[in-house]
Protein backbone atom coordinates (compact mmCIF):
# COMPACT_ATOMS: atom_id res chain seq x y z
CA GLN A 1 -10.44 -13.99 1.90
CA VAL A 2 -9.19 -11.74 -0.89
CA GLN A 3 -6.25 -12.41 -3.12
CA LEU A 4 -3.79 -9.58 -3.65
CA VAL A 5 -1.21 -9.14 -6.42
CA GLU A 6 1.20 -6.21 -6.39
CA SER A 7 2.93 -4.82 -9.44
CA GLY A 8 4.82 -1.77 -10.56
CA GLY A 9 8.04 -2.16 -8.63
CA GLY A 10 11.45 -1.83 -10.18
CA LEU A 11 14.71 0.06 -10.24
CA VAL A 12 14.66 3.84 -10.26
CA GLN A 13 17.13 6.60 -9.63
CA ALA A 14 16.83 8.83 -6.62
CA GLY A 15 14.32 11.58 -7.28
CA GLY A 16 12.33 9.41 -9.59
CA SER A 17 8.80 8.06 -9.36
CA LEU A 18 6.97 4.73 -9.41
CA ARG A 19 3.34 3.78 -9.12
CA LEU A 20 2.56 0.52 -7.43
CA SER A 21 -0.69 -1.26 -8.04
CA CYS A 22 -2.37 -3.94 -6.00
CA ALA A 23 -5.10 -5.91 -7.73
CA ALA A 24 -7.63 -7.71 -5.60
CA SER A 25 -9.85 -10.64 -6.39
CA GLY A 26 -12.07 -13.12 -4.64
CA ARG A 27 -14.29 -10.92 -2.53
CA THR A 28 -16.03 -7.55 -2.67
CA PHE A 29 -13.10 -5.14 -2.81
CA SER A 30 -15.22 -2.19 -1.74
CA SER A 31 -15.73 -3.86 1.67
CA TYR A 32 -12.04 -3.64 2.45
CA ALA A 33 -9.80 -1.10 4.07
CA MET A 34 -6.35 -1.25 2.45
CA GLY A 35 -2.82 -0.56 3.42
CA TRP A 36 0.69 -0.48 2.02
CA PHE A 37 3.64 -1.72 3.99
CA ARG A 38 7.32 -2.18 3.26
CA GLN A 39 10.19 -4.26 4.50
CA ALA A 40 13.82 -3.41 3.90
CA PRO A 41 16.57 -6.04 4.24
CA GLY A 42 17.33 -6.77 7.87
CA LYS A 43 14.46 -4.57 9.05
CA GLU A 44 10.93 -5.20 10.29
CA ARG A 45 7.91 -4.65 8.11
CA GLU A 46 6.52 -1.16 8.60
CA SER A 47 3.39 0.74 7.62
CA VAL A 48 3.64 3.20 4.77
CA ALA A 49 0.08 4.31 4.02
CA ALA A 50 -3.51 3.36 4.65
CA ILE A 51 -6.86 4.11 3.02
CA SER A 52 -10.31 3.57 4.46
CA ARG A 53 -12.98 1.39 2.95
CA SER A 54 -14.79 4.54 1.84
CA GLY A 55 -11.68 5.95 0.25
CA SER A 56 -12.43 9.23 1.97
CA PHE A 57 -9.59 8.96 4.51
CA THR A 58 -5.90 8.33 4.15
CA ASN A 59 -2.93 8.30 6.42
CA TYR A 60 0.81 8.26 5.90
CA VAL A 61 3.84 7.67 8.04
CA ASP A 62 6.02 10.75 8.47
CA PHE A 63 8.82 9.62 6.22
CA VAL A 64 6.58 9.46 3.14
CA LYS A 65 4.30 12.37 3.73
CA GLY A 66 4.26 14.75 0.81
CA ARG A 67 5.91 12.18 -1.42
CA PHE A 68 3.57 9.18 -1.56
CA THR A 69 -0.11 9.05 -2.29
CA ILE A 70 -2.45 6.11 -1.70
CA SER A 71 -5.66 5.84 -3.72
CA ARG A 72 -8.19 3.20 -4.70
CA ASP A 73 -10.40 2.43 -7.65
CA ASP A 74 -13.21 0.13 -6.57
CA ALA A 75 -14.36 -0.31 -10.18
CA ARG A 76 -10.98 -1.86 -10.94
CA ASN A 77 -10.56 -3.61 -7.58
CA THR A 78 -7.20 -1.90 -7.27
CA VAL A 79 -5.33 0.18 -4.74
CA TYR A 80 -2.37 2.31 -5.80
CA LEU A 81 0.66 3.83 -4.23
CA GLN A 82 2.13 6.74 -6.17
CA MET A 83 5.68 7.33 -5.05
CA ASN A 84 7.49 10.51 -5.96
CA SER A 85 10.85 11.98 -5.01
CA LEU A 86 12.10 8.53 -4.21
CA LYS A 87 15.16 8.14 -1.95
CA PRO A 88 17.63 5.25 -1.54
CA GLU A 89 16.15 4.60 1.88
CA ASP A 90 12.81 3.84 0.25
CA THR A 91 14.39 0.63 -1.11
CA ALA A 92 12.33 -2.30 0.15
CA VAL A 93 9.78 -4.94 -0.75
CA TYR A 94 6.37 -3.21 -0.78
CA TYR A 95 3.29 -5.19 0.26
CA CYS A 96 -0.38 -4.37 0.10
CA ALA A 97 -2.77 -5.64 2.70
CA ALA A 98 -6.54 -5.86 3.07
CA ARG A 99 -8.96 -5.93 5.97
CA GLU A 100 -12.66 -6.54 5.54
CA VAL A 101 -14.58 -4.00 7.59
CA ALA A 102 -18.24 -3.49 8.34
CA ALA A 103 -20.03 -0.55 6.77
CA TYR A 104 -20.14 1.41 10.01
CA ARG A 105 -16.33 1.35 10.04
CA ARG A 106 -16.05 2.54 6.46
CA ASN A 107 -14.02 5.62 7.48
CA TYR A 108 -11.64 3.86 9.81
CA LEU A 109 -7.92 3.62 9.08
CA TYR A 110 -5.77 0.69 10.01
CA GLN A 111 -1.97 0.87 10.28
CA ARG A 112 -0.81 -2.08 12.30
CA ILE A 113 0.36 -5.32 10.67
CA SER A 114 -1.95 -7.21 13.00
CA ASP A 115 -4.94 -5.20 11.71
CA TYR A 116 -4.77 -6.99 8.31
CA SER A 117 -5.78 -10.48 7.38
CA ASP A 118 -4.82 -10.70 3.73
CA TRP A 119 -1.49 -9.91 2.14
CA GLY A 120 0.12 -9.85 -1.27
CA GLN A 121 3.45 -11.40 -2.18
CA GLY A 122 5.16 -8.04 -2.45
CA THR A 123 6.97 -6.12 -5.18
CA GLN A 124 10.60 -4.97 -5.00
CA VAL A 125 11.40 -1.28 -5.19
CA THR A 126 15.09 -0.33 -5.54
CA VAL A 127 16.20 3.31 -5.54
CA SER A 128 19.75 3.97 -6.65
CA SER A 129 21.70 6.99 -5.52
């Protein structure tokens, strides 16, 4: 099991930027595929972005493409979500998630909630209009 702690959330005006960080500890971070999810009030948790164990592959849901970028730094055991051109509808609690994967799956991407075994506590992002 890996422990995940998100940070970097806050209040920002529409059009602004934030960078979320998710620090991992407890296991070998480089063995994990990672994902970012979000949950707005009254809505279900949804996928935002995913990155493979290798870091070579990423995927985004349509509503963040071109605005958000997921990346990882295995030396720092951290995954990031750079969020630009933020909109009020991006307001949500953002969670990172981890899934340990075998080396032969190092380029796989995982986007379903059920794909992930470890979750952080979340960080609030609020975008004002």
